[in-house]
C-alpha atoms as a PDB file:
ATOM      1  CA  MET A   1     104.373  67.634 167.935  1.00  0.00           C
ATOM      2  CA  THR A   2     101.838  69.677 170.119  1.00  0.00           C
ATOM      3  CA  ASN A   3      98.685  68.187 170.508  1.00  0.00           C
ATOM      4  CA  ASP A   4      96.830  70.920 168.274  1.00  0.00           C
ATOM      5  CA  GLU A   5      99.739  70.233 165.555  1.00  0.00           C
ATOM      6  CA  LYS A   6      98.678  66.819 165.553  1.00  0.00           C
ATOM      7  CA  ILE A   7      95.438  67.316 165.119  1.00  0.00           C
ATOM      8  CA  ARG A   8      95.694  69.792 162.217  1.00  0.00           C
ATOM      9  CA  SER A   9      98.071  67.094 160.367  1.00  0.00           C
ATOM     10  CA  ALA A  10      95.341  64.202 161.151  1.00  0.00           C
ATOM     11  CA  PHE A  11      92.641  66.293 159.476  1.00  0.00           C
ATOM     12  CA  GLU A  12      94.292  68.759 156.879  1.00  0.00           C
ATOM     13  CA  ASN A  13      92.678  67.221 154.119  1.00  0.00           C
ATOM     14  CA  LYS A  14      89.601  66.840 155.848  1.00  0.00           C
ATOM     15  CA  THR A  15      86.897  69.467 156.652  1.00  0.00           C
ATOM     16  CA  TRP A  16      84.805  68.793 160.013  1.00  0.00           C
ATOM     17  CA  GLN A  17      81.718  68.126 157.914  1.00  0.00           C
ATOM     18  CA  GLU A  18      83.316  65.605 155.741  1.00  0.00           C
ATOM     19  CA  ILE A  19      84.231  63.983 158.867  1.00  0.00           C
ATOM     20  CA  LYS A  20      80.563  63.864 159.895  1.00  0.00           C
ATOM     21  CA  VAL A  21      79.538  62.392 157.015  1.00  0.00           C
ATOM     22  CA  THR A  22      82.213  59.576 157.053  1.00  0.00           C
ATOM     23  CA  ASP A  23      81.034  59.105 160.561  1.00  0.00           C
ATOM     24  CA  SER A  24      77.414  58.830 159.484  1.00  0.00           C
ATOM     25  CA  TRP A  25      77.924  56.224 156.913  1.00  0.00           C
ATOM     26  CA  GLN A  26      79.794  53.796 159.338  1.00  0.00           C
ATOM     27  CA  ILE A  27      76.226  53.350 160.698  1.00  0.00           C
ATOM     28  CA  PHE A  28      75.236  51.318 157.654  1.00  0.00           C
ATOM     29  CA  LYS A  29      78.277  49.016 158.036  1.00  0.00           C
ATOM     30  CA  ILE A  30      77.518  48.540 161.216  1.00  0.00           C
ATOM     31  CA  MET A  31      74.053  47.499 160.734  1.00  0.00           C
ATOM     32  CA  ALA A  32      75.285  45.273 158.216  1.00  0.00           C
ATOM     33  CA  GLU A  33      77.401  43.111 160.704  1.00  0.00           C
ATOM     34  CA  PHE A  34      74.264  43.226 162.925  1.00  0.00           C
ATOM     35  CA  VAL A  35      71.918  41.603 160.544  1.00  0.00           C
ATOM     36  CA  ASP A  36      74.460  39.137 159.300  1.00  0.00           C
ATOM     37  CA  GLY A  37      75.294  37.983 162.809  1.00  0.00           C
ATOM     38  CA  PHE A  38      71.671  37.923 163.870  1.00  0.00           C
ATOM     39  CA  GLU A  39      70.597  36.282 161.026  1.00  0.00           C
ATOM     40  CA  LYS A  40      73.204  33.273 160.721  1.00  0.00           C
ATOM     41  CA  LEU A  41      73.041  32.745 164.802  1.00  0.00           C
ATOM     42  CA  ALA A  42      69.320  32.592 165.294  1.00  0.00           C
ATOM     43  CA  LYS A  43      69.590  29.336 163.403  1.00  0.00           C
ATOM     44  CA  ILE A  44      72.312  27.699 165.553  1.00  0.00           C
ATOM     45  CA  GLY A  45      70.198  26.429 168.763  1.00  0.00           C
ATOM     46  CA  PRO A  46      71.567  26.034 172.205  1.00  0.00           C
ATOM     47  CA  CYS A  47      75.281  27.174 172.580  1.00  0.00           C
ATOM     48  CA  VAL A  48      78.022  27.776 174.914  1.00  0.00           C
ATOM     49  CA  SER A  49      80.869  29.778 174.448  1.00  0.00           C
ATOM     50  CA  ILE A  50      84.550  28.657 175.606  1.00  0.00           C
ATOM     51  CA  PHE A  51      86.810  31.863 175.958  1.00  0.00           C
ATOM     52  CA  GLY A  52      90.347  32.138 176.520  1.00  0.00           C
ATOM     53  CA  SER A  53      93.708  33.032 175.342  1.00  0.00           C
ATOM     54  CA  ALA A  54      94.700  32.884 171.622  1.00  0.00           C
ATOM     55  CA  ARG A  55      98.444  32.518 172.974  1.00  0.00           C
ATOM     56  CA  THR A  56      98.021  28.832 174.688  1.00  0.00           C
ATOM     57  CA  PRO A  57      99.969  26.181 173.074  1.00  0.00           C
ATOM     58  CA  THR A  58      98.550  22.794 172.215  1.00  0.00           C
ATOM     59  CA  GLU A  59     100.578  21.169 175.040  1.00  0.00           C
ATOM     60  CA  ASN A  60      99.297  23.471 177.644  1.00  0.00           C
ATOM     61  CA  LYS A  61      97.060  21.702 179.880  1.00  0.00           C
ATOM     62  CA  TYR A  62      94.116  24.513 179.640  1.00  0.00           C
ATOM     63  CA  TYR A  63      94.229  23.783 175.817  1.00  0.00           C
ATOM     64  CA  GLN A  64      93.232  20.169 176.766  1.00  0.00           C
ATOM     65  CA  ILE A  65      90.542  21.095 178.942  1.00  0.00           C
ATOM     66  CA  ALA A  66      89.180  23.092 176.556  1.00  0.00           C
ATOM     67  CA  VAL A  67      89.117  20.412 173.969  1.00  0.00           C
ATOM     68  CA  GLU A  68      87.300  17.930 176.747  1.00  0.00           C
ATOM     69  CA  THR A  69      85.057  20.843 177.748  1.00  0.00           C
ATOM     70  CA  GLY A  70      83.576  21.236 173.733  1.00  0.00           C
ATOM     71  CA  LYS A  71      83.434  17.361 173.711  1.00  0.00           C
ATOM     72  CA  LEU A  72      81.192  16.973 176.923  1.00  0.00           C
ATOM     73  CA  LEU A  73      78.869  19.980 175.922  1.00  0.00           C
ATOM     74  CA  THR A  74      78.307  18.557 171.984  1.00  0.00           C
ATOM     75  CA  GLU A  75      77.538  14.922 173.654  1.00  0.00           C
ATOM     76  CA  ARG A  76      74.612  16.591 175.207  1.00  0.00           C
ATOM     77  CA  GLY A  77      73.504  18.466 172.175  1.00  0.00           C
ATOM     78  CA  TYR A  78      75.010  21.820 172.964  1.00  0.00           C
ATOM     79  CA  GLY A  79      76.946  23.780 170.091  1.00  0.00           C
ATOM     80  CA  VAL A  80      80.255  25.374 170.909  1.00  0.00           C
ATOM     81  CA  ILE A  81      80.647  29.514 170.147  1.00  0.00           C
ATOM     82  CA  THR A  82      84.284  30.791 170.296  1.00  0.00           C
ATOM     83  CA  GLY A  83      86.072  33.769 168.856  1.00  0.00           C
ATOM     84  CA  GLY A  84      87.321  31.546 166.139  1.00  0.00           C
ATOM     85  CA  GLY A  85      90.946  32.064 166.320  1.00  0.00           C
ATOM     86  CA  PRO A  86      93.943  29.936 167.951  1.00  0.00           C
ATOM     87  CA  GLY A  87      94.819  29.045 171.308  1.00  0.00           C
ATOM     88  CA  ILE A  88      91.791  27.990 173.741  1.00  0.00           C
ATOM     89  CA  MET A  89      89.335  29.187 170.917  1.00  0.00           C
ATOM     90  CA  GLU A  90      90.743  26.782 168.824  1.00  0.00           C
ATOM     91  CA  ALA A  91      90.520  24.210 171.577  1.00  0.00           C
ATOM     92  CA  GLY A  92      87.018  24.623 172.086  1.00  0.00           C
ATOM     93  CA  ASN A  93      86.223  24.119 168.339  1.00  0.00           C
ATOM     94  CA  LYS A  94      88.321  21.156 168.292  1.00  0.00           C
ATOM     95  CA  GLY A  95      86.360  19.451 170.595  1.00  0.00           C
ATOM     96  CA  ALA A  96      82.828  20.051 169.373  1.00  0.00           C
ATOM     97  CA  PHE A  97      84.165  19.473 165.831  1.00  0.00           C
ATOM     98  CA  GLU A  98      85.404  16.096 166.813  1.00  0.00           C
ATOM     99  CA  ALA A  99      82.272  15.418 168.529  1.00  0.00           C
ATOM    100  CA  GLY A 100      80.580  15.866 165.939  1.00  0.00           C
ATOM    101  CA  GLY A 101      78.679  18.799 167.153  1.00  0.00           C
ATOM    102  CA  LYS A 102      78.456  22.214 166.049  1.00  0.00           C
ATOM    103  CA  SER A 103      81.141  24.595 166.267  1.00  0.00           C
ATOM    104  CA  VAL A 104      81.082  28.441 165.525  1.00  0.00           C
ATOM    105  CA  GLY A 105      83.401  31.041 164.996  1.00  0.00           C
ATOM    106  CA  LEU A 106      83.183  34.525 165.663  1.00  0.00           C
ATOM    107  CA  ASN A 107      86.577  36.018 164.274  1.00  0.00           C
ATOM    108  CA  ILE A 108      87.486  39.469 164.551  1.00  0.00           C
ATOM    109  CA  GLU A 109      89.902  41.189 162.161  1.00  0.00           C
ATOM    110  CA  LEU A 110      93.222  42.312 163.730  1.00  0.00           C
ATOM    111  CA  PRO A 111      96.368  43.273 162.766  1.00  0.00           C
ATOM    112  CA  PHE A 112      97.638  39.965 164.697  1.00  0.00           C
ATOM    113  CA  GLU A 113      97.153  37.069 166.235  1.00  0.00           C
ATOM    114  CA  GLN A 114      93.751  36.376 164.948  1.00  0.00           C
ATOM    115  CA  PHE A 115      93.173  34.078 161.939  1.00  0.00           C
ATOM    116  CA  HIS A 116      89.961  31.558 162.152  1.00  0.00           C
ATOM    117  CA  ASN A 117      90.988  27.901 163.149  1.00  0.00           C
ATOM    118  CA  ARG A 118      90.473  24.897 160.846  1.00  0.00           C
ATOM    119  CA  TYR A 119      87.708  23.054 163.376  1.00  0.00           C
ATOM    120  CA  ILE A 120      85.211  25.560 163.113  1.00  0.00           C
ATOM    121  CA  ASP A 121      81.905  24.644 160.305  1.00  0.00           C
ATOM    122  CA  ARG A 122      82.462  26.261 156.954  1.00  0.00           C
ATOM    123  CA  ASP A 123      78.825  27.822 157.172  1.00  0.00           C
ATOM    124  CA  LYS A 124      79.176  28.840 160.742  1.00  0.00           C
ATOM    125  CA  ILE A 125      82.541  31.322 160.439  1.00  0.00           C
ATOM    126  CA  LEU A 126      81.516  34.883 161.004  1.00  0.00           C
ATOM    127  CA  GLU A 127      83.554  37.804 160.641  1.00  0.00           C
ATOM    128  CA  PHE A 128      83.689  41.161 162.617  1.00  0.00           C
ATOM    129  CA  ASP A 129      85.121  44.485 162.060  1.00  0.00           C
ATOM    130  CA  TYR A 130      83.921  45.805 165.532  1.00  0.00           C
ATOM    131  CA  PHE A 131      84.602  44.264 168.897  1.00  0.00           C
ATOM    132  CA  PHE A 132      81.233  45.776 170.403  1.00  0.00           C
ATOM    133  CA  ILE A 133      79.399  43.967 167.742  1.00  0.00           C
ATOM    134  CA  ARG A 134      80.941  40.314 168.371  1.00  0.00           C
ATOM    135  CA  LYS A 135      80.238  40.956 172.150  1.00  0.00           C
ATOM    136  CA  VAL A 136      76.402  41.339 171.124  1.00  0.00           C
ATOM    137  CA  MET A 137      76.353  37.994 169.497  1.00  0.00           C
ATOM    138  CA  PHE A 138      77.948  36.103 172.324  1.00  0.00           C
ATOM    139  CA  MET A 139      75.885  37.984 174.806  1.00  0.00           C
ATOM    140  CA  LYS A 140      72.549  37.249 172.988  1.00  0.00           C
ATOM    141  CA  TYR A 141      73.382  33.569 171.358  1.00  0.00           C
ATOM    142  CA  SER A 142      75.333  31.999 174.253  1.00  0.00           C
ATOM    143  CA  GLN A 143      73.410  29.843 177.183  1.00  0.00           C
ATOM    144  CA  GLY A 144      76.269  29.862 179.088  1.00  0.00           C
ATOM    145  CA  TYR A 145      79.935  30.999 179.402  1.00  0.00           C
ATOM    146  CA  ILE A 146      83.172  29.007 180.095  1.00  0.00           C
ATOM    147  CA  VAL A 147      86.152  31.238 180.712  1.00  0.00           C
ATOM    148  CA  LEU A 148      89.657  29.491 180.803  1.00  0.00           C
ATOM    149  CA  PRO A 149      92.681  31.507 181.446  1.00  0.00           C
ATOM    150  CA  GLY A 150      93.170  34.099 179.001  1.00  0.00           C
ATOM    151  CA  GLY A 151      94.399  37.879 178.585  1.00  0.00           C
ATOM    152  CA  PHE A 152      92.512  41.313 178.364  1.00  0.00           C
ATOM    153  CA  GLY A 153      90.215  40.411 175.672  1.00  0.00           C
ATOM    154  CA  THR A 154      88.974  37.479 177.764  1.00  0.00           C
ATOM    155  CA  MET A 155      88.521  39.271 181.034  1.00  0.00           C
ATOM    156  CA  ASP A 156      86.678  42.090 178.257  1.00  0.00           C
ATOM    157  CA  GLU A 157      84.224  39.574 177.708  1.00  0.00           C
ATOM    158  CA  LEU A 158      83.228  37.813 181.161  1.00  0.00           C
ATOM    159  CA  PHE A 159      83.205  41.325 183.226  1.00  0.00           C
ATOM    160  CA  GLU A 160      80.872  42.790 180.548  1.00  0.00           C
ATOM    161  CA  ALA A 161      78.880  39.483 180.721  1.00  0.00           C
ATOM    162  CA  MET A 162      78.731  39.645 184.588  1.00  0.00           C
ATOM    163  CA  THR A 163      77.838  43.347 184.252  1.00  0.00           C
ATOM    164  CA  LEU A 164      75.029  42.739 182.221  1.00  0.00           C
ATOM    165  CA  ILE A 165      73.491  40.287 184.657  1.00  0.00           C
ATOM    166  CA  GLN A 166      74.131  42.290 187.923  1.00  0.00           C
ATOM    167  CA  THR A 167      72.414  45.290 186.526  1.00  0.00           C
ATOM    168  CA  GLY A 168      69.303  43.127 185.112  1.00  0.00           C
ATOM    169  CA  LYS A 169      70.212  43.995 181.228  1.00  0.00           C
ATOM    170  CA  ILE A 170      70.371  40.452 180.193  1.00  0.00           C
ATOM    171  CA  ALA A 171      68.702  37.141 181.505  1.00  0.00           C
ATOM    172  CA  ARG A 172      71.178  35.450 184.208  1.00  0.00           C
ATOM    173  CA  PHE A 173      73.086  32.840 182.508  1.00  0.00           C
ATOM    174  CA  PRO A 174      75.786  30.274 183.865  1.00  0.00           C
ATOM    175  CA  ILE A 175      79.534  31.949 183.886  1.00  0.00           C
ATOM    176  CA  VAL A 176      82.325  29.086 184.812  1.00  0.00           C
ATOM    177  CA  LEU A 177      85.780  29.932 185.375  1.00  0.00           C
ATOM    178  CA  VAL A 178      88.365  27.292 184.857  1.00  0.00           C
ATOM    179  CA  GLY A 179      91.367  26.631 186.463  1.00  0.00           C
ATOM    180  CA  LYS A 180      91.879  27.589 190.287  1.00  0.00           C
ATOM    181  CA  ASP A 181      95.356  28.613 190.357  1.00  0.00           C
ATOM    182  CA  TYR A 182      94.847  31.096 187.672  1.00  0.00           C
ATOM    183  CA  TRP A 183      91.720  32.791 188.871  1.00  0.00           C
ATOM    184  CA  THR A 184      92.025  32.498 192.722  1.00  0.00           C
ATOM    185  CA  GLY A 185      94.299  35.512 192.767  1.00  0.00           C
ATOM    186  CA  LEU A 186      91.565  37.658 191.241  1.00  0.00           C
ATOM    187  CA  ILE A 187      88.627  36.353 193.096  1.00  0.00           C
ATOM    188  CA  ASP A 188      90.670  37.207 196.170  1.00  0.00           C
ATOM    189  CA  TRP A 189      91.023  40.664 195.134  1.00  0.00           C
ATOM    190  CA  ILE A 190      87.387  40.876 193.982  1.00  0.00           C
ATOM    191  CA  LYS A 191      86.450  39.573 197.680  1.00  0.00           C
ATOM    192  CA  ASN A 192      88.527  41.509 199.690  1.00  0.00           C
ATOM    193  CA  THR A 193      88.976  44.610 197.989  1.00  0.00           C
ATOM    194  CA  MET A 194      86.294  45.437 196.055  1.00  0.00           C
ATOM    195  CA  LEU A 195      83.405  43.800 198.386  1.00  0.00           C
ATOM    196  CA  GLU A 196      84.844  43.900 201.992  1.00  0.00           C
ATOM    197  CA  GLN A 197      86.979  47.085 201.898  1.00  0.00           C
ATOM    198  CA  GLU A 198      85.210  48.993 199.333  1.00  0.00           C
ATOM    199  CA  ARG A 199      81.791  47.706 198.997  1.00  0.00           C
ATOM    200  CA  ASN A 200      81.499  48.331 195.359  1.00  0.00           C
ATOM    201  CA  ILE A 201      79.528  45.339 194.830  1.00  0.00           C
ATOM    202  CA  SER A 202      77.118  43.314 196.835  1.00  0.00           C
ATOM    203  CA  PRO A 203      77.621  39.715 198.717  1.00  0.00           C
ATOM    204  CA  GLU A 204      75.472  37.896 196.044  1.00  0.00           C
ATOM    205  CA  ASP A 205      77.481  39.553 193.138  1.00  0.00           C
ATOM    206  CA  LEU A 206      79.708  36.484 193.932  1.00  0.00           C
ATOM    207  CA  ASN A 207      77.372  34.069 192.992  1.00  0.00           C
ATOM    208  CA  LEU A 208      77.726  35.351 189.419  1.00  0.00           C
ATOM    209  CA  PHE A 209      80.182  32.813 188.620  1.00  0.00           C
ATOM    210  CA  ARG A 210      81.403  29.640 189.442  1.00  0.00           C
ATOM    211  CA  LEU A 211      85.182  28.422 189.820  1.00  0.00           C
ATOM    212  CA  VAL A 212      86.170  24.947 188.928  1.00  0.00           C
ATOM    213  CA  ASP A 213      89.133  22.810 187.761  1.00  0.00           C
ATOM    214  CA  THR A 214      88.396  20.204 185.373  1.00  0.00           C
ATOM    215  CA  ALA A 215      86.319  20.323 181.775  1.00  0.00           C
ATOM    216  CA  GLU A 216      83.681  17.760 183.782  1.00  0.00           C
ATOM    217  CA  GLU A 217      82.906  20.213 186.438  1.00  0.00           C
ATOM    218  CA  ALA A 218      82.509  23.165 184.261  1.00  0.00           C
ATOM    219  CA  ALA A 219      80.163  21.195 181.722  1.00  0.00           C
ATOM    220  CA  GLU A 220      78.158  19.689 184.586  1.00  0.00           C
ATOM    221  CA  HIS A 221      77.509  23.201 186.212  1.00  0.00           C
ATOM    222  CA  ILE A 222      75.794  24.287 182.819  1.00  0.00           C
ATOM    223  CA  PHE A 223      73.772  20.842 182.699  1.00  0.00           C
ATOM    224  CA  ARG A 224      72.225  21.566 186.026  1.00  0.00           C
ATOM    225  CA  PHE A 225      71.852  25.435 185.352  1.00  0.00           C
ATOM    226  CA  TYR A 226      69.267  24.340 182.551  1.00  0.00           C
ATOM    227  CA  GLU A 227      67.891  21.731 184.481  1.00  0.00           C
ATOM    228  CA  LYS A 228      65.896  24.377 186.265  1.00  0.00           C
ATOM    229  CA  TYR A 229      65.779  26.958 183.643  1.00  0.00           C
ATOM    230  CA  VAL A 230      64.404  27.400 180.224  1.00  0.00           C
ATOM    231  CA  LEU A 231      66.784  27.534 176.991  1.00  0.00           C
ATOM    232  CA  LYS A 232      66.222  31.032 175.442  1.00  0.00           C
ATOM    233  CA  PRO A 233      68.054  33.778 174.015  1.00  0.00           C
ATOM    234  CA  ASN A 234      69.518  36.275 176.560  1.00  0.00           C
ATOM    235  CA  PHE A 235      67.683  39.106 175.390  1.00  0.00           C
END
């Protein structure tokens, strides 16, 4: 089937005007997700987001590190925000839950993988249809990002945060990458190719993140950062 035939097939029962009207009404659904997210998350207080793969099993070392990280953050008064699903997200919520802290889940509706985990506070589960709205919530209400090994979604969240900080669109906050074995190859490429060969970033951009190996190091970087800066929403 040619592209023209595909287009005709997709829209054979709709006029272009009907499609435009549908797009316009979608704005209200987008607005509703923003309003619901802002109203609920504005009440939770200082939080740190923990990111990582939904596919990480409970016996994996990074799952255990995420649990410990959630506990350490909670013991110092921070809530924990995750994407609400299984794997690393579940581990972060589990750590916060077991330590008696605030455990928040920003769940996304997907055809596979994603279902909210049982360690999220019942009044702190938010459901999203749109990835871009969910990312705004992470960015606005997180005082730090702790990023464990993950896939495309984890990379998306990591690089968007670094881009917004780099361009001055949001206030700077700490970003911690956990797992030298996992992240070193990427960081070497950023240094050797992105920076030195192509000059696509500046040397100071390498200071946007910190690479560590343990839960203690990750949490301590967050704590040290806020010994110097005031806790506040990021934009």
